[in-house]
């Protein structure tokens, strides 16, 4: 089982997105995702997200919100618990990322990007509500087969 963090950093109506195209054997290859990665020993969700953002972007988070937890269940990739954050203030300048290309993308244009189907579900939730949520996303292969929000099945298909 994996434990990770993911952050959507917002600035002027855009999210800083990462196009994953640089790592070998990357389950996210060819997809756009937020900024994040796996926990290191002893880290809290906040520790992990701040470290991952700094490592991948060169930015230091100044203001961020813990928005939810996403449970991924996959017959192909196993189970992952992902701690989801948004951020609206940061210091520093964007650096080169070893995992792919960083780009500010207008939030209204995210639907045009290749990304995981489940990411679209939680991106919609980030835009439509401010309360903390628990989301379970179940995949067969690379296809989303079910989504459960706060214990209630979503009609996504």
N, C-alpha and C. Protein backbone atom coordinates (compact mmCIF):
# COMPACT_ATOMS: atom_id res chain seq x y z
N UNK A 1 0.84 -1.18 0.00
CA UNK A 1 0.00 0.00 0.00
C UNK A 1 0.88 1.24 0.00
N UNK A 2 0.48 2.22 -0.81
CA UNK A 2 1.22 3.47 -0.90
C UNK A 2 0.48 4.56 -0.13
N UNK A 3 1.23 5.51 0.38
CA UNK A 3 0.66 6.71 1.01
C UNK A 3 1.35 7.90 0.36
N UNK A 4 0.54 8.84 -0.12
CA UNK A 4 1.10 9.98 -0.84
C UNK A 4 0.34 11.26 -0.51
N UNK A 5 0.89 12.36 -1.02
CA UNK A 5 0.22 13.66 -0.95
C UNK A 5 0.13 14.22 -2.36
N UNK A 6 -0.83 15.10 -2.58
CA UNK A 6 -0.97 15.78 -3.86
C UNK A 6 -1.50 17.18 -3.60
N UNK A 7 -0.94 18.16 -4.30
CA UNK A 7 -1.33 19.55 -4.09
C UNK A 7 -1.64 20.21 -5.42
N UNK A 8 -2.72 20.96 -5.44
CA UNK A 8 -3.06 21.81 -6.57
C UNK A 8 -2.78 23.24 -6.14
N UNK A 9 -1.71 23.80 -6.69
CA UNK A 9 -1.30 25.16 -6.37
C UNK A 9 -1.99 26.11 -7.33
N UNK A 10 -2.71 27.07 -6.78
CA UNK A 10 -3.52 27.98 -7.60
C UNK A 10 -2.89 29.36 -7.65
N UNK A 11 -2.96 29.97 -8.84
CA UNK A 11 -2.52 31.35 -9.02
C UNK A 11 -3.26 31.93 -10.22
N UNK A 12 -3.98 33.02 -10.01
CA UNK A 12 -4.67 33.74 -11.09
C UNK A 12 -5.57 32.83 -11.92
N UNK A 13 -6.36 31.98 -11.24
CA UNK A 13 -7.31 31.11 -11.93
C UNK A 13 -6.69 29.92 -12.64
N UNK A 14 -5.42 29.64 -12.31
CA UNK A 14 -4.71 28.51 -12.93
C UNK A 14 -4.16 27.60 -11.85
N UNK A 15 -4.00 26.32 -12.20
CA UNK A 15 -3.32 25.36 -11.34
C UNK A 15 -1.95 25.06 -11.95
N UNK A 16 -0.97 24.90 -11.08
CA UNK A 16 0.34 24.43 -11.53
C UNK A 16 0.22 22.91 -11.70
N UNK A 17 0.38 22.45 -12.93
CA UNK A 17 0.21 21.04 -13.26
C UNK A 17 1.54 20.46 -13.73
N UNK A 18 1.67 19.16 -13.56
CA UNK A 18 2.88 18.45 -13.97
C UNK A 18 2.51 17.42 -15.02
N UNK A 19 3.10 17.55 -16.21
CA UNK A 19 2.93 16.56 -17.26
C UNK A 19 4.02 15.51 -17.08
N UNK A 20 3.61 14.30 -16.71
CA UNK A 20 4.56 13.24 -16.37
C UNK A 20 5.10 12.59 -17.64
N UNK A 21 6.37 12.87 -17.93
CA UNK A 21 6.97 12.31 -19.15
C UNK A 21 8.45 12.01 -19.00
N UNK A 22 8.97 11.94 -17.76
CA UNK A 22 10.42 11.82 -17.62
C UNK A 22 10.90 10.59 -16.83
N UNK A 23 10.01 9.91 -16.13
CA UNK A 23 10.43 8.77 -15.31
C UNK A 23 10.13 7.45 -16.02
N UNK A 24 11.05 6.50 -15.87
CA UNK A 24 10.80 5.15 -16.40
C UNK A 24 9.77 4.45 -15.52
N UNK A 25 8.95 3.59 -16.15
CA UNK A 25 7.96 2.79 -15.43
C UNK A 25 7.04 3.65 -14.56
N UNK A 26 6.62 4.78 -15.06
CA UNK A 26 5.78 5.73 -14.33
C UNK A 26 4.31 5.42 -14.61
N UNK A 27 3.55 5.05 -13.58
CA UNK A 27 2.13 4.77 -13.77
C UNK A 27 1.35 6.01 -14.21
N UNK A 28 1.93 7.18 -14.03
CA UNK A 28 1.29 8.44 -14.45
C UNK A 28 1.81 8.96 -15.78
N UNK A 29 2.62 8.18 -16.48
CA UNK A 29 3.23 8.64 -17.74
C UNK A 29 2.16 9.09 -18.73
N UNK A 30 2.41 10.24 -19.34
CA UNK A 30 1.50 10.77 -20.35
C UNK A 30 0.27 11.47 -19.79
N UNK A 31 0.23 11.65 -18.47
CA UNK A 31 -0.92 12.29 -17.84
C UNK A 31 -0.47 13.56 -17.10
N UNK A 32 -1.42 14.48 -16.97
CA UNK A 32 -1.23 15.69 -16.18
C UNK A 32 -1.75 15.43 -14.77
N UNK A 33 -0.97 15.79 -13.77
CA UNK A 33 -1.38 15.63 -12.38
C UNK A 33 -0.96 16.87 -11.59
N UNK A 34 -1.41 16.92 -10.34
CA UNK A 34 -0.95 17.96 -9.43
C UNK A 34 0.46 17.64 -8.96
N UNK A 35 0.90 18.34 -7.93
CA UNK A 35 2.27 18.21 -7.43
C UNK A 35 2.25 17.36 -6.16
N UNK A 36 3.07 16.32 -6.12
CA UNK A 36 3.10 15.51 -4.92
C UNK A 36 3.91 14.26 -5.08
N UNK A 37 3.79 13.38 -4.09
CA UNK A 37 4.53 12.13 -4.12
C UNK A 37 4.39 11.36 -2.84
N UNK A 38 5.21 10.34 -2.71
CA UNK A 38 5.11 9.40 -1.60
C UNK A 38 5.69 9.96 -0.31
N UNK A 39 5.08 9.50 0.79
CA UNK A 39 5.55 9.86 2.13
C UNK A 39 6.93 9.27 2.39
N UNK A 40 7.72 9.98 3.17
CA UNK A 40 8.95 9.44 3.74
C UNK A 40 8.67 9.10 5.19
N UNK A 41 9.48 8.23 5.76
CA UNK A 41 9.29 7.78 7.13
C UNK A 41 9.19 8.95 8.10
N UNK A 42 8.16 8.93 8.94
CA UNK A 42 7.98 9.94 9.97
C UNK A 42 7.27 11.20 9.54
N UNK A 43 6.89 11.30 8.26
CA UNK A 43 6.24 12.53 7.78
C UNK A 43 4.74 12.54 8.09
N UNK A 44 4.24 13.73 8.37
CA UNK A 44 2.80 13.97 8.41
C UNK A 44 2.35 14.33 7.00
N UNK A 45 1.04 14.36 6.74
CA UNK A 45 0.59 14.81 5.41
C UNK A 45 1.12 16.18 5.05
N UNK A 46 1.16 17.09 6.01
CA UNK A 46 1.64 18.45 5.76
C UNK A 46 3.15 18.45 5.46
N UNK A 47 3.91 17.65 6.21
CA UNK A 47 5.35 17.53 5.95
C UNK A 47 5.58 17.04 4.52
N UNK A 48 4.85 16.01 4.14
CA UNK A 48 5.04 15.39 2.83
C UNK A 48 4.70 16.36 1.71
N UNK A 49 3.56 17.03 1.80
CA UNK A 49 3.17 17.91 0.70
C UNK A 49 4.14 19.08 0.57
N UNK A 50 4.58 19.65 1.68
CA UNK A 50 5.53 20.77 1.60
C UNK A 50 6.86 20.32 1.00
N UNK A 51 7.36 19.16 1.41
CA UNK A 51 8.63 18.65 0.87
C UNK A 51 8.50 18.34 -0.61
N UNK A 52 7.42 17.65 -1.00
CA UNK A 52 7.24 17.27 -2.40
C UNK A 52 7.11 18.51 -3.29
N UNK A 53 6.35 19.50 -2.85
CA UNK A 53 6.20 20.72 -3.65
C UNK A 53 7.56 21.39 -3.83
N UNK A 54 8.33 21.49 -2.76
CA UNK A 54 9.65 22.11 -2.85
C UNK A 54 10.56 21.31 -3.80
N UNK A 55 10.59 19.99 -3.65
CA UNK A 55 11.45 19.16 -4.49
C UNK A 55 11.07 19.22 -5.97
N UNK A 56 9.76 19.20 -6.25
CA UNK A 56 9.31 19.12 -7.65
C UNK A 56 9.21 20.47 -8.34
N UNK A 57 9.04 21.56 -7.57
CA UNK A 57 8.79 22.86 -8.19
C UNK A 57 9.78 23.95 -7.79
N UNK A 58 10.45 23.80 -6.66
CA UNK A 58 11.29 24.87 -6.13
C UNK A 58 10.51 25.87 -5.30
N UNK A 59 9.19 25.68 -5.17
CA UNK A 59 8.34 26.61 -4.42
C UNK A 59 8.17 26.15 -2.98
N UNK A 60 8.09 27.12 -2.07
CA UNK A 60 7.80 26.86 -0.67
C UNK A 60 6.36 27.28 -0.40
N UNK A 61 5.55 26.35 0.06
CA UNK A 61 4.14 26.68 0.35
C UNK A 61 4.07 27.59 1.57
N UNK A 62 3.27 28.65 1.46
CA UNK A 62 3.07 29.60 2.55
C UNK A 62 1.66 29.45 3.12
N UNK A 63 0.68 29.19 2.26
CA UNK A 63 -0.71 29.02 2.67
C UNK A 63 -1.30 27.84 1.89
N UNK A 64 -1.79 26.84 2.62
CA UNK A 64 -2.37 25.67 1.98
C UNK A 64 -3.47 25.10 2.87
N UNK A 65 -4.36 24.33 2.26
CA UNK A 65 -5.48 23.71 2.97
C UNK A 65 -5.51 22.22 2.69
N UNK A 66 -5.72 21.45 3.74
CA UNK A 66 -5.89 20.00 3.65
C UNK A 66 -7.35 19.76 3.27
N UNK A 67 -7.61 19.29 2.05
CA UNK A 67 -8.96 19.25 1.51
C UNK A 67 -9.63 17.89 1.57
N UNK A 68 -8.83 16.81 1.56
CA UNK A 68 -9.47 15.52 1.59
C UNK A 68 -8.49 14.38 1.53
N UNK A 69 -9.05 13.19 1.63
CA UNK A 69 -8.27 11.98 1.45
C UNK A 69 -8.92 11.16 0.35
N UNK A 70 -8.09 10.67 -0.56
CA UNK A 70 -8.57 9.89 -1.69
C UNK A 70 -7.97 8.49 -1.56
N UNK A 71 -8.85 7.50 -1.59
CA UNK A 71 -8.42 6.11 -1.55
C UNK A 71 -8.54 5.55 -2.96
N UNK A 72 -7.41 5.17 -3.53
CA UNK A 72 -7.39 4.55 -4.85
C UNK A 72 -7.31 3.04 -4.65
N UNK A 73 -8.19 2.31 -5.32
CA UNK A 73 -8.15 0.86 -5.31
C UNK A 73 -8.00 0.43 -6.76
N UNK A 74 -6.95 -0.33 -7.05
CA UNK A 74 -6.66 -0.71 -8.43
C UNK A 74 -6.20 -2.15 -8.50
N UNK A 75 -6.74 -2.88 -9.48
CA UNK A 75 -6.27 -4.24 -9.70
C UNK A 75 -4.89 -4.25 -10.35
N UNK A 76 -4.47 -3.14 -10.88
CA UNK A 76 -3.19 -3.04 -11.59
C UNK A 76 -2.09 -2.41 -10.74
N UNK A 77 -2.43 -1.41 -9.92
CA UNK A 77 -1.43 -0.65 -9.18
C UNK A 77 -1.52 -0.81 -7.67
N UNK A 78 -2.48 -1.55 -7.16
CA UNK A 78 -2.65 -1.72 -5.73
C UNK A 78 -3.47 -0.59 -5.12
N UNK A 79 -3.37 -0.46 -3.80
CA UNK A 79 -4.14 0.54 -3.06
C UNK A 79 -3.22 1.69 -2.65
N UNK A 80 -3.77 2.89 -2.72
CA UNK A 80 -3.03 4.09 -2.33
C UNK A 80 -3.95 5.03 -1.57
N UNK A 81 -3.44 5.59 -0.49
CA UNK A 81 -4.12 6.66 0.24
C UNK A 81 -3.41 7.96 -0.10
N UNK A 82 -4.15 8.88 -0.70
CA UNK A 82 -3.56 10.14 -1.12
C UNK A 82 -4.20 11.30 -0.34
N UNK A 83 -3.36 12.08 0.31
CA UNK A 83 -3.81 13.25 1.06
C UNK A 83 -3.80 14.43 0.10
N UNK A 84 -4.96 15.06 -0.06
CA UNK A 84 -5.18 16.08 -1.09
C UNK A 84 -5.19 17.48 -0.49
N UNK A 85 -4.41 18.37 -1.10
CA UNK A 85 -4.27 19.75 -0.64
C UNK A 85 -4.50 20.72 -1.79
N UNK A 86 -4.88 21.95 -1.43
CA UNK A 86 -4.82 23.08 -2.34
C UNK A 86 -3.96 24.14 -1.67
N UNK A 87 -3.33 24.97 -2.49
CA UNK A 87 -2.50 26.05 -1.96
C UNK A 87 -2.73 27.31 -2.79
N UNK A 88 -2.66 28.46 -2.13
CA UNK A 88 -2.87 29.71 -2.85
C UNK A 88 -1.77 30.74 -2.61
N UNK A 89 -0.80 30.41 -1.76
CA UNK A 89 0.33 31.31 -1.53
C UNK A 89 1.61 30.49 -1.44
N UNK A 90 2.66 31.03 -2.06
CA UNK A 90 3.94 30.33 -2.09
C UNK A 90 5.04 31.35 -2.29
N UNK A 91 6.25 30.94 -1.96
CA UNK A 91 7.46 31.75 -2.18
C UNK A 91 8.38 30.99 -3.13
N UNK A 92 9.21 31.75 -3.85
CA UNK A 92 10.22 31.14 -4.69
C UNK A 92 9.88 31.23 -6.16
N UNK A 93 10.76 30.66 -6.95
CA UNK A 93 10.61 30.62 -8.40
C UNK A 93 10.54 29.17 -8.85
N UNK A 94 9.73 28.91 -9.85
CA UNK A 94 9.58 27.55 -10.36
C UNK A 94 10.89 27.09 -10.99
N UNK A 95 11.28 25.88 -10.60
CA UNK A 95 12.50 25.27 -11.15
C UNK A 95 12.11 24.13 -12.09
N UNK A 96 13.10 23.51 -12.68
CA UNK A 96 12.88 22.37 -13.55
C UNK A 96 12.56 21.14 -12.71
N UNK A 97 11.61 20.34 -13.17
CA UNK A 97 11.21 19.13 -12.46
C UNK A 97 11.77 17.91 -13.16
N UNK A 98 12.34 17.00 -12.39
CA UNK A 98 12.94 15.79 -12.96
C UNK A 98 11.89 14.76 -13.39
N UNK A 99 10.62 14.99 -13.04
CA UNK A 99 9.57 14.02 -13.36
C UNK A 99 8.74 14.41 -14.57
N UNK A 100 8.94 15.61 -15.09
CA UNK A 100 8.16 16.04 -16.24
C UNK A 100 8.15 17.55 -16.37
N UNK A 101 7.16 18.06 -17.12
CA UNK A 101 7.05 19.47 -17.45
C UNK A 101 6.01 20.15 -16.56
N UNK A 102 6.40 21.23 -15.90
CA UNK A 102 5.49 22.04 -15.10
C UNK A 102 4.90 23.14 -15.96
N UNK A 103 3.60 23.38 -15.76
CA UNK A 103 2.94 24.43 -16.53
C UNK A 103 1.71 24.93 -15.78
N UNK A 104 1.51 26.25 -15.81
CA UNK A 104 0.29 26.84 -15.26
C UNK A 104 -0.83 26.62 -16.28
N UNK A 105 -1.91 25.96 -15.86
CA UNK A 105 -3.03 25.64 -16.76
C UNK A 105 -4.30 26.28 -16.20
N UNK A 106 -5.01 26.99 -17.06
CA UNK A 106 -6.29 27.60 -16.68
C UNK A 106 -7.22 26.49 -16.18
N UNK A 107 -7.84 26.71 -15.02
CA UNK A 107 -8.71 25.68 -14.43
C UNK A 107 -9.84 25.29 -15.37
N UNK A 108 -10.29 26.21 -16.21
CA UNK A 108 -11.37 25.92 -17.16
C UNK A 108 -10.91 25.04 -18.32
N UNK A 109 -9.60 24.84 -18.47
CA UNK A 109 -9.08 24.04 -19.58
C UNK A 109 -8.57 22.67 -19.13
N UNK A 110 -8.74 22.34 -17.87
CA UNK A 110 -8.25 21.06 -17.36
C UNK A 110 -8.94 19.87 -18.03
N UNK A 111 -10.21 20.03 -18.39
CA UNK A 111 -10.95 18.93 -19.03
C UNK A 111 -10.33 18.50 -20.36
N UNK A 112 -9.55 19.38 -20.97
CA UNK A 112 -8.93 19.06 -22.27
C UNK A 112 -7.64 18.28 -22.14
N UNK A 113 -7.16 18.09 -20.92
CA UNK A 113 -5.87 17.43 -20.70
C UNK A 113 -6.03 15.93 -20.48
N UNK A 114 -5.04 15.14 -20.92
CA UNK A 114 -5.06 13.72 -20.58
C UNK A 114 -4.74 13.56 -19.09
N UNK A 115 -5.67 12.97 -18.35
CA UNK A 115 -5.48 12.74 -16.92
C UNK A 115 -6.34 11.55 -16.50
N UNK A 116 -6.08 11.07 -15.32
CA UNK A 116 -6.88 9.98 -14.77
C UNK A 116 -8.34 10.42 -14.64
N UNK A 117 -9.27 9.50 -14.93
CA UNK A 117 -10.70 9.82 -14.81
C UNK A 117 -11.04 10.27 -13.39
N UNK A 118 -10.49 9.61 -12.40
CA UNK A 118 -10.77 9.95 -11.00
C UNK A 118 -10.27 11.33 -10.61
N UNK A 119 -9.17 11.77 -11.24
CA UNK A 119 -8.67 13.12 -10.95
C UNK A 119 -9.72 14.17 -11.32
N UNK A 120 -10.46 13.92 -12.38
CA UNK A 120 -11.53 14.85 -12.77
C UNK A 120 -12.60 14.93 -11.69
N UNK A 121 -12.86 13.80 -11.02
CA UNK A 121 -13.86 13.77 -9.94
C UNK A 121 -13.40 14.66 -8.79
N UNK A 122 -12.17 14.47 -8.32
CA UNK A 122 -11.78 15.29 -7.16
C UNK A 122 -11.46 16.73 -7.54
N UNK A 123 -11.06 16.98 -8.77
CA UNK A 123 -10.91 18.38 -9.19
C UNK A 123 -12.25 19.10 -9.18
N UNK A 124 -13.31 18.42 -9.61
CA UNK A 124 -14.66 19.00 -9.52
C UNK A 124 -15.03 19.28 -8.07
N UNK A 125 -14.71 18.35 -7.18
CA UNK A 125 -15.01 18.54 -5.76
C UNK A 125 -14.23 19.72 -5.19
N UNK A 126 -12.97 19.88 -5.58
CA UNK A 126 -12.18 21.01 -5.10
C UNK A 126 -12.80 22.33 -5.52
N UNK A 127 -13.41 22.37 -6.69
CA UNK A 127 -14.02 23.59 -7.18
C UNK A 127 -15.43 23.85 -6.67
N UNK A 128 -16.09 22.80 -6.17
CA UNK A 128 -17.50 22.96 -5.83
C UNK A 128 -17.80 22.96 -4.34
N UNK A 129 -16.85 22.59 -3.51
CA UNK A 129 -17.12 22.57 -2.08
C UNK A 129 -15.86 22.88 -1.30
N UNK A 130 -16.07 23.36 -0.08
CA UNK A 130 -14.93 23.70 0.77
C UNK A 130 -14.73 22.74 1.92
N UNK A 131 -15.67 21.82 2.12
CA UNK A 131 -15.53 20.91 3.26
C UNK A 131 -14.57 19.77 2.94
N UNK A 132 -13.98 19.22 3.98
CA UNK A 132 -13.08 18.08 3.86
C UNK A 132 -13.90 16.89 3.36
N UNK A 133 -13.32 16.11 2.46
CA UNK A 133 -14.06 14.96 1.93
C UNK A 133 -13.17 13.72 1.88
N UNK A 134 -13.87 12.58 1.86
CA UNK A 134 -13.22 11.29 1.66
C UNK A 134 -13.79 10.71 0.37
N UNK A 135 -12.89 10.38 -0.55
CA UNK A 135 -13.30 9.88 -1.87
C UNK A 135 -12.59 8.57 -2.13
N UNK A 136 -13.35 7.55 -2.51
CA UNK A 136 -12.79 6.26 -2.89
C UNK A 136 -13.00 6.07 -4.38
N UNK A 137 -11.89 5.83 -5.10
CA UNK A 137 -11.93 5.63 -6.54
C UNK A 137 -11.43 4.23 -6.85
N UNK A 138 -12.24 3.45 -7.55
CA UNK A 138 -11.88 2.07 -7.87
C UNK A 138 -11.64 1.94 -9.38
N UNK A 139 -10.51 1.33 -9.71
CA UNK A 139 -10.10 1.16 -11.11
C UNK A 139 -9.95 -0.31 -11.46
N UNK A 140 -10.33 -0.64 -12.69
CA UNK A 140 -9.94 -1.89 -13.32
C UNK A 140 -9.04 -1.48 -14.47
N UNK A 141 -7.79 -1.92 -14.41
CA UNK A 141 -6.82 -1.42 -15.38
C UNK A 141 -6.71 0.08 -15.22
N UNK A 142 -6.83 0.81 -16.32
CA UNK A 142 -6.79 2.27 -16.27
C UNK A 142 -8.17 2.91 -16.31
N UNK A 143 -9.23 2.08 -16.14
CA UNK A 143 -10.61 2.59 -16.23
C UNK A 143 -11.24 2.72 -14.85
N UNK A 144 -11.81 3.88 -14.59
CA UNK A 144 -12.53 4.12 -13.34
C UNK A 144 -13.85 3.37 -13.40
N UNK A 145 -14.11 2.53 -12.40
CA UNK A 145 -15.36 1.75 -12.39
C UNK A 145 -16.32 2.19 -11.30
N UNK A 146 -15.83 2.86 -10.25
CA UNK A 146 -16.74 3.39 -9.23
C UNK A 146 -16.07 4.51 -8.45
N UNK A 147 -16.92 5.36 -7.89
CA UNK A 147 -16.47 6.46 -7.03
C UNK A 147 -17.45 6.58 -5.88
N UNK A 148 -16.92 6.69 -4.68
CA UNK A 148 -17.74 6.80 -3.47
C UNK A 148 -17.28 8.03 -2.71
N UNK A 149 -18.19 8.98 -2.50
CA UNK A 149 -17.89 10.23 -1.81
C UNK A 149 -18.52 10.20 -0.42
N UNK A 150 -17.69 10.30 0.61
CA UNK A 150 -18.17 10.30 2.00
C UNK A 150 -19.16 9.16 2.25
N UNK A 151 -18.83 7.97 1.71
CA UNK A 151 -19.62 6.77 1.93
C UNK A 151 -20.81 6.59 1.01
N UNK A 152 -21.03 7.52 0.07
CA UNK A 152 -22.17 7.44 -0.84
C UNK A 152 -21.67 7.30 -2.28
N UNK A 153 -22.19 6.28 -2.98
CA UNK A 153 -21.77 6.02 -4.35
C UNK A 153 -22.17 7.19 -5.27
N UNK A 154 -21.23 7.61 -6.10
CA UNK A 154 -21.48 8.67 -7.08
C UNK A 154 -21.89 8.03 -8.40
N UNK A 155 -22.78 8.69 -9.11
CA UNK A 155 -23.16 8.25 -10.44
C UNK A 155 -22.23 8.92 -11.44
N UNK A 156 -21.15 8.22 -11.81
CA UNK A 156 -20.13 8.82 -12.66
C UNK A 156 -20.09 8.25 -14.06
N UNK A 157 -20.71 7.12 -14.26
CA UNK A 157 -20.59 6.43 -15.54
C UNK A 157 -21.78 6.71 -16.44
